[in-house]
Amino acid sequence: MQDKSSVEVPSKPTDKNVIKLLTAIDKVYGSTWRLAWRNFLAGLMHALGATIGYVLFIGLAILIADKLGVFDSIQNFWQGLLKQLPFQSDSALQFKTDILDQ
């Protein structure tokens, strides 16, 4: 950005406002690296906030589902389904139901 002294002052008031705005922006974001660093940190914080929010939401959903007994229903469904599937031996069925009971 050019210095204010080397900028030709326009005759229209709108153009003067644009020059003032550009000068103010140049003062705040004087360096390209400073702007890039600030945007990088803003993106990092945005991603971190989204991750924390997602984890809290999923944790709350799991807590509510546990209180409502949804997981017990799912476990009973899978145990019934495993009993209906043809396995080669009863030990394979017992192994799979032991895994579900944990």
PDB file of N, CA and C in Angstrom:
ATOM      1  N   MET A   1       0.846  -1.174   0.000  1.00  0.00           N
ATOM      2  CA  MET A   1       0.000   0.000   0.000  1.00  0.00           C
ATOM      3  C   MET A   1       0.878   1.218   0.000  1.00  0.00           C
ATOM      4  N   GLN A   2       0.467   2.238  -0.680  1.00  0.00           N
ATOM      5  CA  GLN A   2       1.236   3.470  -0.764  1.00  0.00           C
ATOM      6  C   GLN A   2       1.013   4.310   0.476  1.00  0.00           C
ATOM      7  N   ASP A   3       1.950   5.235   0.720  1.00  0.00           N
ATOM      8  CA  ASP A   3       1.769   6.174   1.815  1.00  0.00           C
ATOM      9  C   ASP A   3       0.599   7.082   1.510  1.00  0.00           C
ATOM     10  N   LYS A   4       0.028   7.611   2.564  1.00  0.00           N
ATOM     11  CA  LYS A   4      -1.100   8.509   2.396  1.00  0.00           C
ATOM     12  C   LYS A   4      -0.662   9.786   1.674  1.00  0.00           C
ATOM     13  N   SER A   5       0.586  10.198   1.900  1.00  0.00           N
ATOM     14  CA  SER A   5       1.073  11.418   1.278  1.00  0.00           C
ATOM     15  C   SER A   5       1.270  11.253  -0.225  1.00  0.00           C
ATOM     16  N   SER A   6       1.571  10.014  -0.683  1.00  0.00           N
ATOM     17  CA  SER A   6       1.788   9.808  -2.109  1.00  0.00           C
ATOM     18  C   SER A   6       0.514   9.429  -2.848  1.00  0.00           C
ATOM     19  N   VAL A   7      -0.576   9.257  -2.120  1.00  0.00           N
ATOM     20  CA  VAL A   7      -1.842   8.894  -2.743  1.00  0.00           C
ATOM     21  C   VAL A   7      -2.520  10.158  -3.246  1.00  0.00           C
ATOM     22  N   GLU A   8      -2.983  10.094  -4.453  1.00  0.00           N
ATOM     23  CA  GLU A   8      -3.699  11.243  -5.007  1.00  0.00           C
ATOM     24  C   GLU A   8      -5.067  11.321  -4.357  1.00  0.00           C
ATOM     25  N   VAL A   9      -5.400  12.467  -3.839  1.00  0.00           N
ATOM     26  CA  VAL A   9      -6.661  12.639  -3.139  1.00  0.00           C
ATOM     27  C   VAL A   9      -7.769  12.803  -4.178  1.00  0.00           C
ATOM     28  N   PRO A  10      -8.712  11.891  -4.186  1.00  0.00           N
ATOM     29  CA  PRO A  10      -9.795  11.981  -5.166  1.00  0.00           C
ATOM     30  C   PRO A  10     -10.759  13.103  -4.818  1.00  0.00           C
ATOM     31  N   SER A  11     -11.504  13.513  -5.817  1.00  0.00           N
ATOM     32  CA  SER A  11     -12.434  14.616  -5.614  1.00  0.00           C
ATOM     33  C   SER A  11     -13.754  14.157  -5.028  1.00  0.00           C
ATOM     34  N   LYS A  12     -14.139  12.927  -5.291  1.00  0.00           N
ATOM     35  CA  LYS A  12     -15.421  12.427  -4.797  1.00  0.00           C
ATOM     36  C   LYS A  12     -15.289  12.006  -3.329  1.00  0.00           C
ATOM     37  N   PRO A  13     -16.310  12.241  -2.496  1.00  0.00           N
ATOM     38  CA  PRO A  13     -16.245  11.810  -1.097  1.00  0.00           C
ATOM     39  C   PRO A  13     -16.169  10.288  -0.949  1.00  0.00           C
ATOM     40  N   THR A  14     -16.815   9.565  -1.851  1.00  0.00           N
ATOM     41  CA  THR A  14     -16.794   8.102  -1.790  1.00  0.00           C
ATOM     42  C   THR A  14     -15.370   7.591  -1.964  1.00  0.00           C
ATOM     43  N   ASP A  15     -14.653   8.160  -2.897  1.00  0.00           N
ATOM     44  CA  ASP A  15     -13.272   7.745  -3.120  1.00  0.00           C
ATOM     45  C   ASP A  15     -12.408   8.058  -1.906  1.00  0.00           C
ATOM     46  N   LYS A  16     -12.666   9.165  -1.230  1.00  0.00           N
ATOM     47  CA  LYS A  16     -11.918   9.502  -0.022  1.00  0.00           C
ATOM     48  C   LYS A  16     -12.176   8.465   1.071  1.00  0.00           C
ATOM     49  N   ASN A  17     -13.415   8.019   1.174  1.00  0.00           N
ATOM     50  CA  ASN A  17     -13.748   6.986   2.162  1.00  0.00           C
ATOM     51  C   ASN A  17     -13.062   5.665   1.843  1.00  0.00           C
ATOM     52  N   VAL A  18     -12.961   5.351   0.574  1.00  0.00           N
ATOM     53  CA  VAL A  18     -12.272   4.121   0.169  1.00  0.00           C
ATOM     54  C   VAL A  18     -10.794   4.213   0.532  1.00  0.00           C
ATOM     55  N   ILE A  19     -10.191   5.367   0.296  1.00  0.00           N
ATOM     56  CA  ILE A  19      -8.786   5.559   0.647  1.00  0.00           C
ATOM     57  C   ILE A  19      -8.595   5.430   2.155  1.00  0.00           C
ATOM     58  N   LYS A  20      -9.496   5.998   2.945  1.00  0.00           N
ATOM     59  CA  LYS A  20      -9.410   5.889   4.403  1.00  0.00           C
ATOM     60  C   LYS A  20      -9.522   4.431   4.840  1.00  0.00           C
ATOM     61  N   LEU A  21     -10.441   3.719   4.201  1.00  0.00           N
ATOM     62  CA  LEU A  21     -10.626   2.304   4.531  1.00  0.00           C
ATOM     63  C   LEU A  21      -9.371   1.495   4.181  1.00  0.00           C
ATOM     64  N   LEU A  22      -8.816   1.731   3.013  1.00  0.00           N
ATOM     65  CA  LEU A  22      -7.612   1.000   2.610  1.00  0.00           C
ATOM     66  C   LEU A  22      -6.430   1.330   3.510  1.00  0.00           C
ATOM     67  N   THR A  23      -6.333   2.566   3.935  1.00  0.00           N
ATOM     68  CA  THR A  23      -5.256   2.955   4.839  1.00  0.00           C
ATOM     69  C   THR A  23      -5.416   2.270   6.191  1.00  0.00           C
ATOM     70  N   ALA A  24      -6.649   2.211   6.692  1.00  0.00           N
ATOM     71  CA  ALA A  24      -6.897   1.545   7.968  1.00  0.00           C
ATOM     72  C   ALA A  24      -6.597   0.050   7.877  1.00  0.00           C
ATOM     73  N   ILE A  25      -6.990  -0.568   6.790  1.00  0.00           N
ATOM     74  CA  ILE A  25      -6.716  -2.001   6.600  1.00  0.00           C
ATOM     75  C   ILE A  25      -5.217  -2.246   6.527  1.00  0.00           C
ATOM     76  N   ASP A  26      -4.505  -1.353   5.853  1.00  0.00           N
ATOM     77  CA  ASP A  26      -3.064  -1.501   5.740  1.00  0.00           C
ATOM     78  C   ASP A  26      -2.383  -1.365   7.103  1.00  0.00           C
ATOM     79  N   LYS A  27      -2.912  -0.512   7.966  1.00  0.00           N
ATOM     80  CA  LYS A  27      -2.337  -0.364   9.305  1.00  0.00           C
ATOM     81  C   LYS A  27      -2.566  -1.615  10.144  1.00  0.00           C
ATOM     82  N   VAL A  28      -3.752  -2.205  10.034  1.00  0.00           N
ATOM     83  CA  VAL A  28      -4.071  -3.383  10.835  1.00  0.00           C
ATOM     84  C   VAL A  28      -3.340  -4.624  10.319  1.00  0.00           C
ATOM     85  N   TYR A  29      -3.373  -4.812   9.001  1.00  0.00           N
ATOM     86  CA  TYR A  29      -2.749  -5.994   8.395  1.00  0.00           C
ATOM     87  C   TYR A  29      -1.522  -5.566   7.599  1.00  0.00           C
ATOM     88  N   GLY A  30      -0.603  -4.908   8.231  1.00  0.00           N
ATOM     89  CA  GLY A  30       0.553  -4.376   7.529  1.00  0.00           C
ATOM     90  C   GLY A  30       1.404  -5.447   6.877  1.00  0.00           C
ATOM     91  N   SER A  31       1.444  -6.621   7.454  1.00  0.00           N
ATOM     92  CA  SER A  31       2.304  -7.678   6.950  1.00  0.00           C
ATOM     93  C   SER A  31       1.446  -8.838   6.436  1.00  0.00           C
ATOM     94  N   THR A  32       1.856  -9.370   5.307  1.00  0.00           N
ATOM     95  CA  THR A  32       1.153 -10.526   4.751  1.00  0.00           C
ATOM     96  C   THR A  32       1.306 -11.732   5.670  1.00  0.00           C
ATOM     97  N   TRP A  33       2.493 -11.878   6.260  1.00  0.00           N
ATOM     98  CA  TRP A  33       2.734 -13.011   7.149  1.00  0.00           C
ATOM     99  C   TRP A  33       1.890 -12.906   8.415  1.00  0.00           C
ATOM    100  N   ARG A  34       1.711 -11.687   8.909  1.00  0.00           N
ATOM    101  CA  ARG A  34       0.877 -11.507  10.099  1.00  0.00           C
ATOM    102  C   ARG A  34      -0.573 -11.901   9.789  1.00  0.00           C
ATOM    103  N   LEU A  35      -1.044 -11.513   8.623  1.00  0.00           N
ATOM    104  CA  LEU A  35      -2.401 -11.877   8.210  1.00  0.00           C
ATOM    105  C   LEU A  35      -2.528 -13.396   8.052  1.00  0.00           C
ATOM    106  N   ALA A  36      -1.530 -14.011   7.431  1.00  0.00           N
ATOM    107  CA  ALA A  36      -1.571 -15.465   7.235  1.00  0.00           C
ATOM    108  C   ALA A  36      -1.534 -16.188   8.582  1.00  0.00           C
ATOM    109  N   TRP A  37      -0.695 -15.728   9.502  1.00  0.00           N
ATOM    110  CA  TRP A  37      -0.590 -16.349  10.817  1.00  0.00           C
ATOM    111  C   TRP A  37      -1.895 -16.211  11.581  1.00  0.00           C
ATOM    112  N   ARG A  38      -2.506 -15.043  11.532  1.00  0.00           N
ATOM    113  CA  ARG A  38      -3.769 -14.807  12.225  1.00  0.00           C
ATOM    114  C   ARG A  38      -4.871 -15.703  11.656  1.00  0.00           C
ATOM    115  N   ASN A  39      -4.922 -15.846  10.346  1.00  0.00           N
ATOM    116  CA  ASN A  39      -5.939 -16.705   9.734  1.00  0.00           C
ATOM    117  C   ASN A  39      -5.682 -18.178  10.031  1.00  0.00           C
ATOM    118  N   PHE A  40      -4.406 -18.563  10.106  1.00  0.00           N
ATOM    119  CA  PHE A  40      -4.078 -19.942  10.462  1.00  0.00           C
ATOM    120  C   PHE A  40      -4.556 -20.259  11.875  1.00  0.00           C
ATOM    121  N   LEU A  41      -4.264 -19.364  12.808  1.00  0.00           N
ATOM    122  CA  LEU A  41      -4.697 -19.586  14.187  1.00  0.00           C
ATOM    123  C   LEU A  41      -6.219 -19.586  14.308  1.00  0.00           C
ATOM    124  N   ALA A  42      -6.878 -18.719  13.559  1.00  0.00           N
ATOM    125  CA  ALA A  42      -8.346 -18.694  13.584  1.00  0.00           C
ATOM    126  C   ALA A  42      -8.916 -20.019  13.063  1.00  0.00           C
ATOM    127  N   GLY A  43      -8.338 -20.553  11.999  1.00  0.00           N
ATOM    128  CA  GLY A  43      -8.787 -21.846  11.471  1.00  0.00           C
ATOM    129  C   GLY A  43      -8.530 -22.984  12.436  1.00  0.00           C
ATOM    130  N   LEU A  44      -7.393 -22.926  13.106  1.00  0.00           N
ATOM    131  CA  LEU A  44      -7.055 -23.947  14.090  1.00  0.00           C
ATOM    132  C   LEU A  44      -8.037 -23.934  15.257  1.00  0.00           C
ATOM    133  N   MET A  45      -8.359 -22.759  15.748  1.00  0.00           N
ATOM    134  CA  MET A  45      -9.311 -22.643  16.854  1.00  0.00           C
ATOM    135  C   MET A  45     -10.724 -23.058  16.422  1.00  0.00           C
ATOM    136  N   HIS A  46     -11.069 -22.757  15.182  1.00  0.00           N
ATOM    137  CA  HIS A  46     -12.379 -23.171  14.664  1.00  0.00           C
ATOM    138  C   HIS A  46     -12.477 -24.700  14.635  1.00  0.00           C
ATOM    139  N   ALA A  47     -11.439 -25.346  14.143  1.00  0.00           N
ATOM    140  CA  ALA A  47     -11.436 -26.814  14.079  1.00  0.00           C
ATOM    141  C   ALA A  47     -11.446 -27.429  15.476  1.00  0.00           C
ATOM    142  N   LEU A  48     -10.688 -26.842  16.394  1.00  0.00           N
ATOM    143  CA  LEU A  48     -10.658 -27.346  17.763  1.00  0.00           C
ATOM    144  C   LEU A  48     -12.028 -27.210  18.427  1.00  0.00           C
ATOM    145  N   GLY A  49     -12.667 -26.084  18.242  1.00  0.00           N
ATOM    146  CA  GLY A  49     -14.001 -25.886  18.809  1.00  0.00           C
ATOM    147  C   GLY A  49     -15.023 -26.846  18.231  1.00  0.00           C
ATOM    148  N   ALA A  50     -14.946 -27.076  16.922  1.00  0.00           N
ATOM    149  CA  ALA A  50     -15.872 -28.020  16.291  1.00  0.00           C
ATOM    150  C   ALA A  50     -15.648 -29.432  16.818  1.00  0.00           C
ATOM    151  N   THR A  51     -14.400 -29.813  17.018  1.00  0.00           N
ATOM    152  CA  THR A  51     -14.084 -31.149  17.531  1.00  0.00           C
ATOM    153  C   THR A  51     -14.596 -31.325  18.952  1.00  0.00           C
ATOM    154  N   ILE A  52     -14.359 -30.339  19.794  1.00  0.00           N
ATOM    155  CA  ILE A  52     -14.841 -30.426  21.177  1.00  0.00           C
ATOM    156  C   ILE A  52     -16.362 -30.476  21.214  1.00  0.00           C
ATOM    157  N   GLY A  53     -17.010 -29.657  20.409  1.00  0.00           N
ATOM    158  CA  GLY A  53     -18.474 -29.674  20.352  1.00  0.00           C
ATOM    159  C   GLY A  53     -19.013 -31.016  19.881  1.00  0.00           C
ATOM    160  N   TYR A  54     -18.369 -31.608  18.882  1.00  0.00           N
ATOM    161  CA  TYR A  54     -18.799 -32.906  18.370  1.00  0.00           C
ATOM    162  C   TYR A  54     -18.649 -33.989  19.442  1.00  0.00           C
ATOM    163  N   VAL A  55     -17.535 -33.976  20.145  1.00  0.00           N
ATOM    164  CA  VAL A  55     -17.296 -34.981  21.193  1.00  0.00           C
ATOM    165  C   VAL A  55     -18.330 -34.836  22.314  1.00  0.00           C
ATOM    166  N   LEU A  56     -18.614 -33.607  22.715  1.00  0.00           N
ATOM    167  CA  LEU A  56     -19.620 -33.396  23.764  1.00  0.00           C
ATOM    168  C   LEU A  56     -21.009 -33.853  23.312  1.00  0.00           C
ATOM    169  N   PHE A  57     -21.347 -33.563  22.064  1.00  0.00           N
ATOM    170  CA  PHE A  57     -22.652 -33.971  21.541  1.00  0.00           C
ATOM    171  C   PHE A  57     -22.775 -35.498  21.488  1.00  0.00           C
ATOM    172  N   ILE A  58     -21.762 -36.173  20.978  1.00  0.00           N
ATOM    173  CA  ILE A  58     -21.803 -37.638  20.888  1.00  0.00           C
ATOM    174  C   ILE A  58     -21.811 -38.254  22.284  1.00  0.00           C
ATOM    175  N   GLY A  59     -21.018 -37.686  23.205  1.00  0.00           N
ATOM    176  CA  GLY A  59     -21.010 -38.200  24.581  1.00  0.00           C
ATOM    177  C   GLY A  59     -22.372 -38.073  25.240  1.00  0.00           C
ATOM    178  N   LEU A  60     -23.033 -36.943  25.030  1.00  0.00           N
ATOM    179  CA  LEU A  60     -24.370 -36.742  25.586  1.00  0.00           C
ATOM    180  C   LEU A  60     -25.372 -37.710  24.955  1.00  0.00           C
ATOM    181  N   ALA A  61     -25.261 -37.933  23.656  1.00  0.00           N
ATOM    182  CA  ALA A  61     -26.167 -38.873  22.977  1.00  0.00           C
ATOM    183  C   ALA A  61     -25.968 -40.300  23.504  1.00  0.00           C
ATOM    184  N   ILE A  62     -24.721 -40.683  23.733  1.00  0.00           N
ATOM    185  CA  ILE A  62     -24.445 -42.023  24.272  1.00  0.00           C
ATOM    186  C   ILE A  62     -24.968 -42.141  25.692  1.00  0.00           C
ATOM    187  N   LEU A  63     -24.806 -41.104  26.495  1.00  0.00           N
ATOM    188  CA  LEU A  63     -25.303 -41.125  27.871  1.00  0.00           C
ATOM    189  C   LEU A  63     -26.833 -41.275  27.899  1.00  0.00           C
ATOM    190  N   ILE A  64     -27.517 -40.534  27.057  1.00  0.00           N
ATOM    191  CA  ILE A  64     -28.979 -40.621  27.001  1.00  0.00           C
ATOM    192  C   ILE A  64     -29.411 -42.000  26.504  1.00  0.00           C
ATOM    193  N   ALA A  65     -28.720 -42.512  25.467  1.00  0.00           N
ATOM    194  CA  ALA A  65     -29.068 -43.838  24.944  1.00  0.00           C
ATOM    195  C   ALA A  65     -28.841 -44.920  25.987  1.00  0.00           C
ATOM    196  N   ASP A  66     -27.796 -44.766  26.785  1.00  0.00           N
ATOM    197  CA  ASP A  66     -27.515 -45.736  27.841  1.00  0.00           C
ATOM    198  C   ASP A  66     -28.607 -45.692  28.912  1.00  0.00           C
ATOM    199  N   LYS A  67     -29.037 -44.486  29.275  1.00  0.00           N
ATOM    200  CA  LYS A  67     -30.091 -44.349  30.288  1.00  0.00           C
ATOM    201  C   LYS A  67     -31.424 -44.904  29.794  1.00  0.00           C
ATOM    202  N   LEU A  68     -31.676 -44.823  28.490  1.00  0.00           N
ATOM    203  CA  LEU A  68     -32.919 -45.340  27.923  1.00  0.00           C
ATOM    204  C   LEU A  68     -32.869 -46.837  27.637  1.00  0.00           C
ATOM    205  N   GLY A  69     -31.703 -47.462  27.777  1.00  0.00           N
ATOM    206  CA  GLY A  69     -31.579 -48.906  27.565  1.00  0.00           C
ATOM    207  C   GLY A  69     -31.468 -49.309  26.112  1.00  0.00           C
ATOM    208  N   VAL A  70     -31.031 -48.401  25.274  1.00  0.00           N
ATOM    209  CA  VAL A  70     -30.915 -48.700  23.843  1.00  0.00           C
ATOM    210  C   VAL A  70     -29.855 -49.765  23.602  1.00  0.00           C
ATOM    211  N   PHE A  71     -28.757 -49.700  24.334  1.00  0.00           N
ATOM    212  CA  PHE A  71     -27.672 -50.649  24.104  1.00  0.00           C
ATOM    213  C   PHE A  71     -28.061 -52.062  24.510  1.00  0.00           C
ATOM    214  N   ASP A  72     -28.898 -52.207  25.538  1.00  0.00           N
ATOM    215  CA  ASP A  72     -29.378 -53.538  25.911  1.00  0.00           C
ATOM    216  C   ASP A  72     -30.236 -54.136  24.799  1.00  0.00           C
ATOM    217  N   SER A  73     -31.068 -53.297  24.191  1.00  0.00           N
ATOM    218  CA  SER A  73     -31.906 -53.769  23.078  1.00  0.00           C
ATOM    219  C   SER A  73     -31.047 -54.196  21.898  1.00  0.00           C
ATOM    220  N   ILE A  74     -30.018 -53.418  21.605  1.00  0.00           N
ATOM    221  CA  ILE A  74     -29.129 -53.769  20.492  1.00  0.00           C
ATOM    222  C   ILE A  74     -28.394 -55.067  20.793  1.00  0.00           C
ATOM    223  N   GLN A  75     -27.947 -55.225  22.034  1.00  0.00           N
ATOM    224  CA  GLN A  75     -27.242 -56.456  22.413  1.00  0.00           C
ATOM    225  C   GLN A  75     -28.164 -57.669  22.285  1.00  0.00           C
ATOM    226  N   ASN A  76     -29.402 -57.553  22.735  1.00  0.00           N
ATOM    227  CA  ASN A  76     -30.359 -58.658  22.608  1.00  0.00           C
ATOM    228  C   ASN A  76     -30.639 -58.972  21.140  1.00  0.00           C
ATOM    229  N   PHE A  77     -30.740 -57.942  20.298  1.00  0.00           N
ATOM    230  CA  PHE A  77     -30.979 -58.151  18.875  1.00  0.00           C
ATOM    231  C   PHE A  77     -29.831 -58.933  18.249  1.00  0.00           C
ATOM    232  N   TRP A  78     -28.576 -58.520  18.543  1.00  0.00           N
ATOM    233  CA  TRP A  78     -27.423 -59.197  17.960  1.00  0.00           C
ATOM    234  C   TRP A  78     -27.281 -60.623  18.474  1.00  0.00           C
ATOM    235  N   GLN A  79     -27.585 -60.847  19.731  1.00  0.00           N
ATOM    236  CA  GLN A  79     -27.509 -62.220  20.254  1.00  0.00           C
ATOM    237  C   GLN A  79     -28.542 -63.110  19.567  1.00  0.00           C
ATOM    238  N   GLY A  80     -29.745 -62.593  19.353  1.00  0.00           N
ATOM    239  CA  GLY A  80     -30.757 -63.363  18.632  1.00  0.00           C
ATOM    240  C   GLY A  80     -30.352 -63.621  17.197  1.00  0.00           C
ATOM    241  N   LEU A  81     -29.734 -62.633  16.577  1.00  0.00           N
ATOM    242  CA  LEU A  81     -29.288 -62.788  15.195  1.00  0.00           C
ATOM    243  C   LEU A  81     -28.166 -63.817  15.102  1.00  0.00           C
ATOM    244  N   LEU A  82     -27.232 -63.781  16.053  1.00  0.00           N
ATOM    245  CA  LEU A  82     -26.139 -64.763  16.038  1.00  0.00           C
ATOM    246  C   LEU A  82     -26.642 -66.181  16.258  1.00  0.00           C
ATOM    247  N   LYS A  83     -27.688 -66.326  17.034  1.00  0.00           N
ATOM    248  CA  LYS A  83     -28.240 -67.666  17.265  1.00  0.00           C
ATOM    249  C   LYS A  83     -28.905 -68.209  16.012  1.00  0.00           C
ATOM    250  N   GLN A  84     -29.392 -67.326  15.155  1.00  0.00           N
ATOM    251  CA  GLN A  84     -30.069 -67.756  13.932  1.00  0.00           C
ATOM    252  C   GLN A  84     -29.088 -68.059  12.805  1.00  0.00           C
ATOM    253  N   LEU A  85     -27.887 -67.503  12.851  1.00  0.00           N
ATOM    254  CA  LEU A  85     -26.917 -67.727  11.785  1.00  0.00           C
ATOM    255  C   LEU A  85     -26.279 -69.099  11.935  1.00  0.00           C
ATOM    256  N   PRO A  86     -26.055 -69.778  10.812  1.00  0.00           N
ATOM    257  CA  PRO A  86     -25.425 -71.107  10.892  1.00  0.00           C
ATOM    258  C   PRO A  86     -23.914 -70.982  11.101  1.00  0.00           C
ATOM    259  N   PHE A  87     -23.442 -71.525  12.223  1.00  0.00           N
ATOM    260  CA  PHE A  87     -22.011 -71.552  12.503  1.00  0.00           C
ATOM    261  C   PHE A  87     -21.520 -72.977  12.381  1.00  0.00           C
ATOM    262  N   GLN A  88     -20.225 -73.117  12.234  1.00  0.00           N
ATOM    263  CA  GLN A  88     -19.669 -74.451  12.063  1.00  0.00           C
ATOM    264  C   GLN A  88     -19.661 -75.228  13.368  1.00  0.00           C
ATOM    265  N   SER A  89     -19.528 -74.527  14.473  1.00  0.00           N
ATOM    266  CA  SER A  89     -19.524 -75.239  15.748  1.00  0.00           C
ATOM    267  C   SER A  89     -20.139 -74.348  16.817  1.00  0.00           C
ATOM    268  N   ASP A  90     -20.503 -74.958  17.920  1.00  0.00           N
ATOM    269  CA  ASP A  90     -21.066 -74.195  19.026  1.00  0.00           C
ATOM    270  C   ASP A  90     -20.013 -73.338  19.713  1.00  0.00           C
ATOM    271  N   SER A  91     -18.758 -73.719  19.598  1.00  0.00           N
ATOM    272  CA  SER A  91     -17.702 -72.926  20.240  1.00  0.00           C
ATOM    273  C   SER A  91     -17.572 -71.557  19.562  1.00  0.00           C
ATOM    274  N   ALA A  92     -17.783 -71.498  18.249  1.00  0.00           N
ATOM    275  CA  ALA A  92     -17.726 -70.214  17.554  1.00  0.00           C
ATOM    276  C   ALA A  92     -18.877 -69.330  18.021  1.00  0.00           C
ATOM    277  N   LEU A  93     -20.058 -69.924  18.209  1.00  0.00           N
ATOM    278  CA  LEU A  93     -21.195 -69.166  18.702  1.00  0.00           C
ATOM    279  C   LEU A  93     -20.941 -68.692  20.122  1.00  0.00           C
ATOM    280  N   GLN A  94     -20.374 -69.549  20.950  1.00  0.00           N
ATOM    281  CA  GLN A  94     -20.081 -69.169  22.335  1.00  0.00           C
ATOM    282  C   GLN A  94     -19.044 -68.054  22.375  1.00  0.00           C
ATOM    283  N   PHE A  95     -18.029 -68.121  21.506  1.00  0.00           N
ATOM    284  CA  PHE A  95     -17.002 -67.089  21.436  1.00  0.00           C
ATOM    285  C   PHE A  95     -17.619 -65.737  21.070  1.00  0.00           C
ATOM    286  N   LYS A  96     -18.508 -65.736  20.081  1.00  0.00           N
ATOM    287  CA  LYS A  96     -19.120 -64.493  19.647  1.00  0.00           C
ATOM    288  C   LYS A  96     -20.073 -63.941  20.696  1.00  0.00           C
ATOM    289  N   THR A  97     -20.796 -64.766  21.398  1.00  0.00           N
ATOM    290  CA  THR A  97     -21.686 -64.255  22.451  1.00  0.00           C
ATOM    291  C   THR A  97     -20.883 -63.779  23.648  1.00  0.00           C
ATOM    292  N   ASP A  98     -19.719 -64.398  23.910  1.00  0.00           N
ATOM    293  CA  ASP A  98     -18.858 -63.913  24.992  1.00  0.00           C
ATOM    294  C   ASP A  98     -18.343 -62.506  24.684  1.00  0.00           C
ATOM    295  N   ILE A  99     -18.037 -62.259  23.427  1.00  0.00           N
ATOM    296  CA  ILE A  99     -17.558 -60.935  23.039  1.00  0.00           C
ATOM    297  C   ILE A  99     -18.667 -59.898  23.241  1.00  0.00           C
ATOM    298  N   LEU A 100     -19.886 -60.255  22.888  1.00  0.00           N
ATOM    299  CA  LEU A 100     -21.001 -59.335  23.040  1.00  0.00           C
ATOM    300  C   LEU A 100     -21.349 -59.072  24.516  1.00  0.00           C
ATOM    301  N   ASP A 101     -21.109 -60.061  25.378  1.00  0.00           N
ATOM    302  CA  ASP A 101     -21.434 -59.903  26.804  1.00  0.00           C
ATOM    303  C   ASP A 101     -20.473 -58.964  27.523  1.00  0.00           C
ATOM    304  N   GLN A 102     -19.328 -58.701  26.954  1.00  0.00           N
ATOM    305  CA  GLN A 102     -18.334 -57.852  27.634  1.00  0.00           C
ATOM    306  C   GLN A 102     -18.742 -56.416  27.671  1.00  0.00           C
TER     307      GLN A 102
END
